Amino acid sequence: MTGQFSGTHLAGARGLGRGNARNQVRRGMPIGNGGDDGAEGLGAAPPSDAAPPASNGGPPNPRGGAVEGRLVRRRPRTEDKFFIPPSIVPLGWCYEWKRESCYGQPDTDHQVNLRENHWTPVPAERHPQMMPLDFKGPIRKDGMVLMERPQYLTDEARQEDYEFATGEVQRATATLGQTPGGQFTRDHPSVHKIAKVKHSYGPIDAES
């Protein structure tokens, strides 16, 4: 009598375990080994192909593993693509973009002039982030090449350009006050209202 009761009770427990497992499957609940239902073997969850989530709450990595840190885009639309961060320029040197080609045609004469004034191309190995991976050669972009030379040479060239520009203005101003022979001078107030020198400012080419 005792054995029959025990066997009946065990069979009922197994049936109850299978019933609990079905209910958990219907509800979408995970079934694990060692649960209270005693249904060993029924708790194996099917493997998932979903990418593991990032450990820091970032996007999942489809290649496996967690993405360390949040990715940040570079070069927004408002950023100048020819901007040179001052932090990458070696101390005592000057970086500038110089024309290498125009409409796909090499500007040979211009490159010779740059070389004569000690401009040399900046190698991509020094700043690999500015060119594709494993690129060898100078840093180029849209017909321009990044070049360098000592800063004191650029300072000298800019000073010469400034002196030349101010000299042109002074000569033009002096010409307005001069008159050919046989004419009256131009120091009358009415003349000064008409003859004026207009000043304008613009970029200079520091290639010399």
N, C-alpha and C. Protein backbone atom coordinates (compact mmCIF):
# COMPACT_ATOMS: atom_id res chain seq x y z
N MET A 1 0.85 -1.20 0.00
CA MET A 1 0.00 0.00 0.00
C MET A 1 0.87 1.24 0.00
N THR A 2 1.92 1.16 0.79
CA THR A 2 2.82 2.32 0.85
C THR A 2 3.54 2.53 -0.46
N GLY A 3 3.99 1.43 -1.09
CA GLY A 3 4.68 1.56 -2.37
C GLY A 3 3.77 2.09 -3.44
N GLN A 4 2.49 1.66 -3.46
CA GLN A 4 1.58 2.16 -4.48
C GLN A 4 1.32 3.64 -4.29
N PHE A 5 1.22 4.11 -3.07
CA PHE A 5 0.99 5.53 -2.81
C PHE A 5 2.19 6.37 -3.22
N SER A 6 3.38 5.83 -2.91
CA SER A 6 4.60 6.56 -3.28
C SER A 6 4.72 6.67 -4.77
N GLY A 7 4.44 5.57 -5.52
CA GLY A 7 4.55 5.63 -6.98
C GLY A 7 3.54 6.58 -7.56
N THR A 8 2.32 6.56 -7.02
CA THR A 8 1.29 7.47 -7.54
C THR A 8 1.66 8.91 -7.26
N HIS A 9 2.18 9.19 -6.07
CA HIS A 9 2.57 10.55 -5.71
C HIS A 9 3.71 11.04 -6.60
N LEU A 10 4.71 10.17 -6.93
CA LEU A 10 5.84 10.56 -7.78
C LEU A 10 5.38 10.86 -9.19
N ALA A 11 4.43 10.01 -9.69
CA ALA A 11 3.93 10.25 -11.04
C ALA A 11 3.18 11.56 -11.09
N GLY A 12 2.42 11.87 -10.07
CA GLY A 12 1.70 13.15 -10.05
C GLY A 12 2.65 14.33 -9.99
N ALA A 13 3.73 14.18 -9.26
CA ALA A 13 4.71 15.26 -9.18
C ALA A 13 5.35 15.52 -10.52
N ARG A 14 5.66 14.40 -11.24
CA ARG A 14 6.25 14.60 -12.57
C ARG A 14 5.27 15.29 -13.52
N GLY A 15 4.02 14.86 -13.47
CA GLY A 15 3.02 15.52 -14.31
C GLY A 15 2.86 16.98 -13.96
N LEU A 16 2.90 17.28 -12.64
CA LEU A 16 2.80 18.67 -12.23
C LEU A 16 3.98 19.48 -12.72
N GLY A 17 5.19 18.87 -12.71
CA GLY A 17 6.38 19.56 -13.21
C GLY A 17 6.25 19.89 -14.69
N ARG A 18 5.73 18.92 -15.48
CA ARG A 18 5.57 19.19 -16.91
C ARG A 18 4.52 20.27 -17.13
N GLY A 19 3.51 20.30 -16.30
CA GLY A 19 2.49 21.35 -16.44
C GLY A 19 3.05 22.73 -16.14
N ASN A 20 3.87 22.83 -15.09
CA ASN A 20 4.49 24.12 -14.77
C ASN A 20 5.41 24.57 -15.89
N ALA A 21 6.14 23.63 -16.50
CA ALA A 21 7.05 23.98 -17.58
C ALA A 21 6.28 24.55 -18.76
N ARG A 22 5.11 23.90 -19.09
CA ARG A 22 4.32 24.41 -20.21
C ARG A 22 3.80 25.82 -19.91
N ASN A 23 3.36 26.03 -18.69
CA ASN A 23 2.87 27.35 -18.33
C ASN A 23 3.96 28.41 -18.43
N GLN A 24 5.18 28.06 -18.03
CA GLN A 24 6.28 29.02 -18.11
C GLN A 24 6.64 29.32 -19.56
N VAL A 25 6.57 28.30 -20.44
CA VAL A 25 6.85 28.53 -21.84
C VAL A 25 5.82 29.46 -22.45
N ARG A 26 4.53 29.26 -22.09
CA ARG A 26 3.47 30.11 -22.62
C ARG A 26 3.66 31.56 -22.18
N ARG A 27 4.13 31.75 -20.94
CA ARG A 27 4.32 33.10 -20.41
C ARG A 27 5.64 33.73 -20.84
N GLY A 28 6.51 32.99 -21.53
CA GLY A 28 7.80 33.53 -21.94
C GLY A 28 8.82 33.55 -20.84
N MET A 29 8.62 32.75 -19.77
CA MET A 29 9.55 32.74 -18.64
C MET A 29 10.66 31.73 -18.91
N PRO A 30 11.91 32.05 -18.52
CA PRO A 30 13.00 31.09 -18.68
C PRO A 30 12.84 29.91 -17.75
N ILE A 31 13.22 28.76 -18.23
CA ILE A 31 13.13 27.52 -17.45
C ILE A 31 14.54 27.06 -17.15
N GLY A 32 14.89 26.91 -15.90
CA GLY A 32 16.24 26.51 -15.53
C GLY A 32 16.26 25.21 -14.76
N ASN A 33 17.42 24.59 -14.74
CA ASN A 33 17.59 23.37 -13.96
C ASN A 33 17.55 23.71 -12.48
N GLY A 34 17.05 22.83 -11.70
CA GLY A 34 17.03 23.05 -10.26
C GLY A 34 15.86 23.88 -9.81
N GLY A 35 14.81 24.04 -10.64
CA GLY A 35 13.63 24.79 -10.23
C GLY A 35 12.76 23.96 -9.30
N ASP A 36 11.73 24.59 -8.79
CA ASP A 36 10.83 23.89 -7.87
C ASP A 36 9.98 22.86 -8.57
N ASP A 37 9.87 22.93 -9.92
CA ASP A 37 9.03 21.96 -10.59
C ASP A 37 9.70 20.60 -10.72
N GLY A 38 11.02 20.53 -10.52
CA GLY A 38 11.73 19.26 -10.56
C GLY A 38 11.86 18.69 -11.94
N ALA A 39 11.60 19.43 -13.00
CA ALA A 39 11.67 18.93 -14.37
C ALA A 39 13.07 19.14 -14.90
N GLU A 40 13.95 18.27 -14.53
CA GLU A 40 15.34 18.37 -14.96
C GLU A 40 15.43 18.04 -16.45
N GLY A 41 16.19 18.86 -17.19
CA GLY A 41 16.32 18.65 -18.63
C GLY A 41 15.38 19.52 -19.42
N LEU A 42 14.22 19.91 -18.82
CA LEU A 42 13.30 20.78 -19.54
C LEU A 42 13.71 22.24 -19.44
N GLY A 43 14.67 22.58 -18.59
CA GLY A 43 15.02 23.98 -18.37
C GLY A 43 16.09 24.49 -19.30
N ALA A 44 16.55 23.75 -20.32
CA ALA A 44 17.59 24.23 -21.22
C ALA A 44 17.00 25.24 -22.19
N ALA A 45 17.40 26.52 -22.07
CA ALA A 45 16.89 27.56 -22.95
C ALA A 45 17.63 27.51 -24.28
N PRO A 46 16.94 27.74 -25.40
CA PRO A 46 17.61 27.73 -26.70
C PRO A 46 18.64 28.83 -26.81
N PRO A 47 19.77 28.58 -27.48
CA PRO A 47 20.80 29.63 -27.61
C PRO A 47 20.26 30.80 -28.40
N SER A 48 20.69 32.00 -28.05
CA SER A 48 20.24 33.22 -28.71
C SER A 48 21.34 33.76 -29.60
N ASP A 49 20.97 34.25 -30.82
CA ASP A 49 21.93 34.84 -31.75
C ASP A 49 22.05 36.34 -31.57
N ALA A 50 21.34 36.89 -30.60
CA ALA A 50 21.39 38.34 -30.40
C ALA A 50 22.76 38.74 -29.88
N ALA A 51 23.21 39.97 -30.28
CA ALA A 51 24.51 40.46 -29.85
C ALA A 51 24.48 40.79 -28.37
N PRO A 52 25.56 40.52 -27.65
CA PRO A 52 25.58 40.83 -26.22
C PRO A 52 25.55 42.33 -26.00
N PRO A 53 24.82 42.79 -25.00
CA PRO A 53 24.76 44.23 -24.75
C PRO A 53 26.09 44.74 -24.21
N ALA A 54 26.30 46.03 -24.36
CA ALA A 54 27.53 46.64 -23.84
C ALA A 54 27.47 46.69 -22.33
N SER A 55 28.64 46.56 -21.74
CA SER A 55 28.70 46.57 -20.28
C SER A 55 28.41 47.93 -19.70
N ASN A 56 28.58 49.00 -20.47
CA ASN A 56 28.36 50.35 -19.97
C ASN A 56 27.08 50.96 -20.47
N GLY A 57 26.15 50.16 -20.98
CA GLY A 57 24.89 50.70 -21.45
C GLY A 57 24.92 51.20 -22.87
N GLY A 58 26.03 51.04 -23.60
CA GLY A 58 26.14 51.50 -24.97
C GLY A 58 25.51 50.53 -25.94
N PRO A 59 25.65 50.74 -27.23
CA PRO A 59 25.03 49.86 -28.22
C PRO A 59 25.70 48.50 -28.25
N PRO A 60 24.96 47.43 -28.61
CA PRO A 60 25.57 46.11 -28.68
C PRO A 60 26.56 46.02 -29.82
N ASN A 61 27.54 45.17 -29.68
CA ASN A 61 28.57 44.99 -30.70
C ASN A 61 28.23 43.76 -31.52
N PRO A 62 27.87 43.89 -32.80
CA PRO A 62 27.49 42.72 -33.60
C PRO A 62 28.64 41.75 -33.83
N ARG A 63 29.88 42.19 -33.62
CA ARG A 63 31.03 41.30 -33.80
C ARG A 63 31.36 40.53 -32.54
N GLY A 64 30.56 40.71 -31.49
CA GLY A 64 30.81 40.00 -30.24
C GLY A 64 31.57 40.86 -29.27
N GLY A 65 31.31 40.66 -28.01
CA GLY A 65 31.97 41.46 -26.99
C GLY A 65 31.23 42.75 -26.75
N ALA A 66 31.70 43.54 -25.83
CA ALA A 66 31.05 44.79 -25.45
C ALA A 66 31.80 45.96 -26.03
N VAL A 67 31.07 47.00 -26.42
CA VAL A 67 31.67 48.23 -26.92
C VAL A 67 32.16 49.03 -25.73
N GLU A 68 33.45 49.31 -25.70
CA GLU A 68 34.03 50.06 -24.59
C GLU A 68 33.88 51.55 -24.87
N GLY A 69 32.96 52.21 -24.19
CA GLY A 69 32.77 53.64 -24.36
C GLY A 69 31.85 53.94 -25.53
N ARG A 70 31.30 55.13 -25.52
CA ARG A 70 30.39 55.56 -26.57
C ARG A 70 31.18 56.13 -27.74
N LEU A 71 30.82 55.73 -28.96
CA LEU A 71 31.49 56.23 -30.15
C LEU A 71 31.10 57.68 -30.41
N VAL A 72 32.04 58.45 -30.94
CA VAL A 72 31.83 59.86 -31.20
C VAL A 72 32.14 60.15 -32.66
N ARG A 73 31.21 60.80 -33.36
CA ARG A 73 31.44 61.17 -34.75
C ARG A 73 32.43 62.33 -34.83
N ARG A 74 33.20 62.35 -35.93
CA ARG A 74 34.12 63.44 -36.18
C ARG A 74 33.70 64.15 -37.45
N ARG A 75 34.22 65.36 -37.61
CA ARG A 75 33.99 66.17 -38.79
C ARG A 75 32.50 66.44 -39.05
N PRO A 76 31.83 67.17 -38.18
CA PRO A 76 30.47 67.58 -38.50
C PRO A 76 30.46 68.53 -39.69
N ARG A 77 29.28 68.84 -40.19
CA ARG A 77 29.18 69.66 -41.40
C ARG A 77 29.77 71.06 -41.22
N THR A 78 29.72 71.57 -40.01
CA THR A 78 30.19 72.92 -39.76
C THR A 78 31.70 73.00 -39.56
N GLU A 79 32.39 71.89 -39.54
CA GLU A 79 33.83 71.89 -39.28
C GLU A 79 34.61 72.08 -40.57
N ASP A 80 35.67 72.88 -40.52
CA ASP A 80 36.54 73.11 -41.66
C ASP A 80 37.43 71.88 -41.85
N LYS A 81 37.32 71.23 -42.99
CA LYS A 81 38.09 70.01 -43.21
C LYS A 81 39.57 70.28 -43.38
N PHE A 82 39.96 71.53 -43.60
CA PHE A 82 41.37 71.88 -43.72
C PHE A 82 41.93 72.46 -42.43
N PHE A 83 41.14 72.41 -41.36
CA PHE A 83 41.62 72.92 -40.08
C PHE A 83 42.76 72.04 -39.56
N ILE A 84 43.83 72.68 -39.10
CA ILE A 84 44.99 71.97 -38.56
C ILE A 84 45.04 72.23 -37.06
N PRO A 85 44.81 71.24 -36.22
CA PRO A 85 44.90 71.46 -34.77
C PRO A 85 46.30 71.94 -34.37
N PRO A 86 46.41 73.04 -33.68
CA PRO A 86 47.75 73.51 -33.28
C PRO A 86 48.52 72.50 -32.44
N SER A 87 47.81 71.60 -31.76
CA SER A 87 48.49 70.65 -30.88
C SER A 87 49.35 69.64 -31.64
N ILE A 88 49.10 69.42 -32.94
CA ILE A 88 49.87 68.44 -33.69
C ILE A 88 51.08 69.06 -34.39
N VAL A 89 51.19 70.39 -34.39
CA VAL A 89 52.30 71.06 -35.07
C VAL A 89 53.52 71.03 -34.16
N PRO A 90 54.65 70.53 -34.63
CA PRO A 90 55.86 70.52 -33.79
C PRO A 90 56.28 71.93 -33.40
N LEU A 91 56.87 72.05 -32.24
CA LEU A 91 57.30 73.34 -31.73
C LEU A 91 58.36 73.94 -32.65
N GLY A 92 58.16 75.21 -33.03
CA GLY A 92 59.12 75.90 -33.89
C GLY A 92 58.90 75.66 -35.37
N TRP A 93 57.82 74.98 -35.73
CA TRP A 93 57.54 74.69 -37.13
C TRP A 93 56.17 75.24 -37.52
N CYS A 94 55.94 75.32 -38.82
CA CYS A 94 54.70 75.86 -39.35
C CYS A 94 54.09 74.86 -40.33
N TYR A 95 52.80 74.57 -40.16
CA TYR A 95 52.05 73.71 -41.08
C TYR A 95 51.12 74.58 -41.93
N GLU A 96 51.08 74.31 -43.23
CA GLU A 96 50.14 74.99 -44.12
C GLU A 96 49.76 74.05 -45.25
N TRP A 97 48.50 74.19 -45.72
CA TRP A 97 48.07 73.46 -46.91
C TRP A 97 48.52 74.23 -48.15
N LYS A 98 49.14 73.52 -49.07
CA LYS A 98 49.65 74.14 -50.29
C LYS A 98 49.05 73.44 -51.51
N ARG A 99 48.85 74.21 -52.55
CA ARG A 99 48.26 73.66 -53.77
C ARG A 99 49.23 72.72 -54.47
N GLU A 100 48.74 71.52 -54.75
CA GLU A 100 49.54 70.53 -55.48
C GLU A 100 49.03 70.33 -56.90
N SER A 101 47.73 70.44 -57.09
CA SER A 101 47.15 70.28 -58.42
C SER A 101 45.92 71.17 -58.54
N CYS A 102 45.53 71.45 -59.78
CA CYS A 102 44.36 72.27 -60.05
C CYS A 102 43.55 71.59 -61.15
N TYR A 103 42.30 71.22 -60.84
CA TYR A 103 41.44 70.48 -61.75
C TYR A 103 42.11 69.19 -62.24
N GLY A 104 42.81 68.54 -61.31
CA GLY A 104 43.44 67.27 -61.63
C GLY A 104 44.78 67.37 -62.32
N GLN A 105 45.24 68.58 -62.64
CA GLN A 105 46.53 68.76 -63.31
C GLN A 105 47.58 69.23 -62.31
N PRO A 106 48.74 68.58 -62.27
CA PRO A 106 49.79 68.99 -61.31
C PRO A 106 50.26 70.41 -61.58
N ASP A 107 50.41 71.17 -60.52
CA ASP A 107 50.95 72.53 -60.61
C ASP A 107 52.44 72.47 -60.33
N THR A 108 53.19 72.09 -61.34
CA THR A 108 54.63 71.85 -61.16
C THR A 108 55.37 73.11 -60.79
N ASP A 109 55.10 74.22 -61.48
CA ASP A 109 55.82 75.46 -61.22
C ASP A 109 55.60 75.93 -59.78
N HIS A 110 54.39 75.77 -59.31
CA HIS A 110 54.09 76.18 -57.93
C HIS A 110 54.84 75.30 -56.93
N GLN A 111 54.91 74.02 -57.19
CA GLN A 111 55.62 73.12 -56.30
C GLN A 111 57.12 73.42 -56.27
N VAL A 112 57.69 73.81 -57.41
CA VAL A 112 59.11 74.19 -57.45
C VAL A 112 59.33 75.43 -56.60
N ASN A 113 58.42 76.39 -56.70
CA ASN A 113 58.54 77.61 -55.89
C ASN A 113 58.47 77.29 -54.40
N LEU A 114 57.61 76.35 -54.03
CA LEU A 114 57.52 75.96 -52.63
C LEU A 114 58.80 75.30 -52.14
N ARG A 115 59.36 74.46 -52.97
CA ARG A 115 60.60 73.77 -52.58
C ARG A 115 61.75 74.76 -52.42
N GLU A 116 61.80 75.76 -53.29
CA GLU A 116 62.87 76.77 -53.19
C GLU A 116 62.76 77.59 -51.92
N ASN A 117 61.54 77.66 -51.37
CA ASN A 117 61.35 78.42 -50.13
C ASN A 117 61.22 77.49 -48.92
N HIS A 118 61.77 76.27 -49.08
CA HIS A 118 61.98 75.33 -47.97
C HIS A 118 60.68 74.72 -47.42
N TRP A 119 59.64 74.64 -48.25
CA TRP A 119 58.46 73.90 -47.86
C TRP A 119 58.65 72.43 -48.23
N THR A 120 58.37 71.54 -47.29
CA THR A 120 58.48 70.10 -47.52
C THR A 120 57.19 69.41 -47.09
N PRO A 121 56.79 68.34 -47.78
CA PRO A 121 55.55 67.64 -47.42
C PRO A 121 55.64 66.99 -46.04
N VAL A 122 54.52 66.96 -45.34
CA VAL A 122 54.42 66.29 -44.04
C VAL A 122 54.07 64.82 -44.28
N PRO A 123 54.87 63.87 -43.80
CA PRO A 123 54.57 62.45 -44.06
C PRO A 123 53.36 61.97 -43.27
N ALA A 124 52.61 61.07 -43.88
CA ALA A 124 51.42 60.53 -43.23
C ALA A 124 51.77 59.68 -42.02
N GLU A 125 52.98 59.12 -41.97
CA GLU A 125 53.39 58.31 -40.83
C GLU A 125 53.41 59.12 -39.53
N ARG A 126 53.59 60.44 -39.65
CA ARG A 126 53.63 61.28 -38.45
C ARG A 126 52.23 61.51 -37.88
N HIS A 127 51.24 61.61 -38.75
CA HIS A 127 49.86 61.82 -38.32
C HIS A 127 48.97 60.81 -39.04
N PRO A 128 49.00 59.55 -38.67
CA PRO A 128 48.23 58.52 -39.39
C PRO A 128 46.73 58.73 -39.34
N GLN A 129 46.21 59.49 -38.37
CA GLN A 129 44.77 59.71 -38.28
C GLN A 129 44.26 60.61 -39.39
N MET A 130 45.14 61.27 -40.12
CA MET A 130 44.72 62.19 -41.17
C MET A 130 44.63 61.53 -42.54
N MET A 131 45.01 60.26 -42.64
CA MET A 131 44.99 59.55 -43.92
C MET A 131 44.46 58.13 -43.70
N PRO A 132 44.11 57.40 -44.79
CA PRO A 132 43.65 56.01 -44.63
C PRO A 132 44.69 55.13 -43.96
N LEU A 133 44.25 53.99 -43.46
CA LEU A 133 45.15 53.07 -42.77
C LEU A 133 46.26 52.60 -43.70
N ASP A 134 47.46 52.50 -43.15
CA ASP A 134 48.64 51.98 -43.86
C ASP A 134 49.00 52.82 -45.08
N PHE A 135 48.59 54.09 -45.10
CA PHE A 135 48.94 54.95 -46.24
C PHE A 135 50.38 55.41 -46.10
N LYS A 136 51.09 55.42 -47.22
CA LYS A 136 52.47 55.88 -47.26
C LYS A 136 52.58 57.08 -48.18
N GLY A 137 53.27 58.11 -47.72
CA GLY A 137 53.45 59.29 -48.55
C GLY A 137 52.98 60.54 -47.84
N PRO A 138 52.95 61.69 -48.57
CA PRO A 138 52.52 62.95 -47.96
C PRO A 138 51.02 62.95 -47.64
N ILE A 139 50.61 63.84 -46.77
CA ILE A 139 49.21 64.02 -46.42
C ILE A 139 48.57 64.90 -47.48
N ARG A 140 47.60 64.36 -48.20
CA ARG A 140 46.94 65.08 -49.30
C ARG A 140 45.44 65.17 -49.05
N LYS A 141 44.83 66.22 -49.65
CA LYS A 141 43.39 66.39 -49.53
C LYS A 141 42.90 67.37 -50.59
N ASP A 142 42.05 66.88 -51.49
CA ASP A 142 41.38 67.73 -52.49
C ASP A 142 42.37 68.62 -53.24
N GLY A 143 43.41 68.03 -53.78
CA GLY A 143 44.37 68.80 -54.56
C GLY A 143 45.36 69.59 -53.75
N MET A 144 45.29 69.47 -52.42
CA MET A 144 46.21 70.18 -51.53
C MET A 144 47.12 69.17 -50.84
N VAL A 145 48.28 69.64 -50.45
CA VAL A 145 49.22 68.80 -49.71
C VAL A 145 49.66 69.57 -48.48
N LEU A 146 49.72 68.88 -47.35
CA LEU A 146 50.14 69.50 -46.10
C LEU A 146 51.66 69.60 -46.09
N MET A 147 52.18 70.83 -45.89
CA MET A 147 53.62 71.06 -45.94
C MET A 147 54.07 71.78 -44.68
N GLU A 148 55.36 71.73 -44.44
CA GLU A 148 55.93 72.33 -43.24
C GLU A 148 57.25 73.03 -43.56
N ARG A 149 57.61 73.95 -42.69
CA ARG A 149 58.92 74.59 -42.72
C ARG A 149 59.12 75.30 -41.39
N PRO A 150 60.34 75.71 -41.05
CA PRO A 150 60.57 76.40 -39.78
C PRO A 150 59.72 77.67 -39.67
N GLN A 151 59.23 77.93 -38.48
CA GLN A 151 58.33 79.06 -38.25
C GLN A 151 59.01 80.39 -38.56
N TYR A 152 60.31 80.53 -38.31
CA TYR A 152 60.95 81.82 -38.51
C TYR A 152 60.98 82.21 -39.99
N LEU A 153 61.01 81.23 -40.89
CA LEU A 153 60.95 81.56 -42.31
C LEU A 153 59.58 82.12 -42.69
N THR A 154 58.52 81.54 -42.14
CA THR A 154 57.17 82.05 -42.39
C THR A 154 56.99 83.44 -41.80
N ASP A 155 57.55 83.69 -40.62
CA ASP A 155 57.46 85.02 -40.00
C ASP A 155 58.18 86.05 -40.88
N GLU A 156 59.34 85.70 -41.43
CA GLU A 156 60.07 86.62 -42.30
C GLU A 156 59.26 86.93 -43.57
N ALA A 157 58.66 85.91 -44.16
CA ALA A 157 57.88 86.11 -45.38
C ALA A 157 56.66 87.00 -45.11
N ARG A 158 55.99 86.81 -43.98
CA ARG A 158 54.83 87.64 -43.66
C ARG A 158 55.23 89.08 -43.40
N GLN A 159 56.38 89.29 -42.78
CA GLN A 159 56.84 90.65 -42.54
C GLN A 159 57.17 91.34 -43.86
N GLU A 160 57.78 90.63 -44.80
CA GLU A 160 58.07 91.21 -46.12
C GLU A 160 56.78 91.57 -46.84
N ASP A 161 55.79 90.71 -46.78
CA ASP A 161 54.51 91.01 -47.43
C ASP A 161 53.84 92.22 -46.79
N TYR A 162 53.93 92.33 -45.48
CA TYR A 162 53.32 93.48 -44.80
C TYR A 162 54.01 94.79 -45.21
N GLU A 163 55.33 94.78 -45.25
CA GLU A 163 56.07 95.98 -45.64
C GLU A 163 55.79 96.36 -47.10
N PHE A 164 55.67 95.36 -47.95
CA PHE A 164 55.36 95.65 -49.35
C PHE A 164 53.97 96.26 -49.48
N ALA A 165 52.99 95.72 -48.76
CA ALA A 165 51.62 96.23 -48.84
C ALA A 165 51.51 97.64 -48.30
N THR A 166 52.13 97.92 -47.16
CA THR A 166 52.07 99.28 -46.59
C THR A 166 52.83 100.26 -47.46
N GLY A 167 53.91 99.81 -48.10
CA GLY A 167 54.64 100.69 -49.01
C GLY A 167 53.80 101.10 -50.20
N GLU A 168 53.01 100.17 -50.74
CA GLU A 168 52.12 100.49 -51.86
C GLU A 168 51.09 101.54 -51.45
N VAL A 169 50.56 101.44 -50.26
CA VAL A 169 49.58 102.41 -49.78
C VAL A 169 50.23 103.78 -49.61
N GLN A 170 51.42 103.82 -49.06
CA GLN A 170 52.10 105.10 -48.85
C GLN A 170 52.43 105.77 -50.18
N ARG A 171 52.85 105.02 -51.17
CA ARG A 171 53.16 105.60 -52.49
C ARG A 171 51.89 106.11 -53.16
N ALA A 172 50.79 105.38 -53.03
CA ALA A 172 49.54 105.84 -53.61
C ALA A 172 49.04 107.11 -52.93
N THR A 173 49.21 107.19 -51.62
CA THR A 173 48.78 108.38 -50.88
C THR A 173 49.63 109.59 -51.28
N ALA A 174 50.93 109.38 -51.44
CA ALA A 174 51.80 110.48 -51.84
C ALA A 174 51.49 110.97 -53.24
N THR A 175 51.10 110.07 -54.13
CA THR A 175 50.78 110.46 -55.50
C THR A 175 49.57 111.37 -55.57
N LEU A 176 48.63 111.20 -54.68
CA LEU A 176 47.42 112.03 -54.68
C LEU A 176 47.73 113.49 -54.36
N GLY A 177 48.78 113.74 -53.63
CA GLY A 177 49.12 115.12 -53.27
C GLY A 177 50.08 115.79 -54.24
N GLN A 178 50.49 115.11 -55.28
CA GLN A 178 51.42 115.68 -56.25
C GLN A 178 50.67 116.12 -57.51
N THR A 179 51.22 117.13 -58.19
CA THR A 179 50.63 117.64 -59.42
C THR A 179 51.72 117.80 -60.47
N PRO A 180 51.36 117.60 -61.74
CA PRO A 180 52.36 117.85 -62.80
C PRO A 180 52.75 119.32 -62.84
N GLY A 181 53.82 119.59 -63.54
CA GLY A 181 54.28 120.97 -63.65
C GLY A 181 53.27 121.87 -64.33
N GLY A 182 53.14 123.10 -63.86
CA GLY A 182 52.22 124.06 -64.44
C GLY A 182 50.82 123.99 -63.89
N GLN A 183 50.56 123.14 -62.91
CA GLN A 183 49.22 123.03 -62.33
C GLN A 183 49.27 123.47 -60.86
N PHE A 184 48.08 123.84 -60.38
CA PHE A 184 47.99 124.22 -58.97
C PHE A 184 48.16 122.99 -58.08
N THR A 185 48.53 123.26 -56.87
CA THR A 185 48.66 122.15 -55.91
C THR A 185 47.30 121.59 -55.55
N ARG A 186 47.35 120.41 -54.91
CA ARG A 186 46.11 119.71 -54.56
C ARG A 186 45.86 119.73 -53.06
N ASP A 187 46.23 120.83 -52.45
CA ASP A 187 46.02 120.94 -51.02
C ASP A 187 44.74 121.68 -50.65
N HIS A 188 43.91 121.99 -51.65
CA HIS A 188 42.64 122.65 -51.36
C HIS A 188 41.69 121.64 -50.72
N PRO A 189 40.89 122.07 -49.73
CA PRO A 189 39.98 121.14 -49.05
C PRO A 189 39.03 120.42 -49.99
N SER A 190 38.58 121.06 -51.05
CA SER A 190 37.66 120.41 -51.98
C SER A 190 38.31 119.24 -52.70
N VAL A 191 39.61 119.31 -52.90
CA VAL A 191 40.32 118.22 -53.57
C VAL A 191 40.42 117.02 -52.65
N HIS A 192 40.65 117.24 -51.37
CA HIS A 192 40.79 116.13 -50.42
C HIS A 192 39.49 115.35 -50.25
N LYS A 193 38.35 116.00 -50.51
CA LYS A 193 37.08 115.29 -50.41
C LYS A 193 36.89 114.31 -51.57
N ILE A 194 37.52 114.63 -52.70
CA ILE A 194 37.37 113.78 -53.88
C ILE A 194 38.45 112.70 -53.92
N ALA A 195 39.68 113.11 -53.70
CA ALA A 195 40.81 112.17 -53.79
C ALA A 195 41.03 111.52 -52.43
N LYS A 196 40.59 110.32 -52.28
CA LYS A 196 40.74 109.57 -51.03
C LYS A 196 41.35 108.20 -51.31
N VAL A 197 42.02 107.70 -50.33
CA VAL A 197 42.59 106.36 -50.41
C VAL A 197 41.74 105.42 -49.57
N LYS A 198 41.24 104.39 -50.19
CA LYS A 198 40.43 103.40 -49.49
C LYS A 198 41.31 102.23 -49.05
N HIS A 199 41.12 101.81 -47.83
CA HIS A 199 41.90 100.71 -47.27
C HIS A 199 41.05 99.43 -47.27
N SER A 200 41.66 98.34 -47.66
CA SER A 200 41.01 97.03 -47.61
C SER A 200 42.01 96.00 -47.13
N TYR A 201 41.50 94.93 -46.55
CA TYR A 201 42.37 93.90 -45.98
C TYR A 201 41.97 92.54 -46.53
N GLY A 202 42.96 91.71 -46.76
CA GLY A 202 42.71 90.38 -47.28
C GLY A 202 43.86 89.44 -46.95
N PRO A 203 43.69 88.16 -47.21
CA PRO A 203 44.76 87.19 -46.91
C PRO A 203 45.97 87.39 -47.80
N ILE A 204 47.13 87.07 -47.28
CA ILE A 204 48.37 87.18 -48.04
C ILE A 204 48.91 85.77 -48.28
N ASP A 205 49.70 85.62 -49.32
CA ASP A 205 50.27 84.34 -49.67
C ASP A 205 51.69 84.26 -49.13
N ALA A 206 51.88 83.49 -48.07
CA ALA A 206 53.19 83.39 -47.43
C ALA A 206 53.95 82.20 -47.99
N GLU A 207 54.25 82.22 -49.27
CA GLU A 207 54.97 81.12 -49.91
C GLU A 207 56.44 81.47 -50.16
N SER A 208 56.79 82.73 -50.05
CA SER A 208 58.16 83.12 -50.30
C SER A 208 59.02 82.94 -49.06
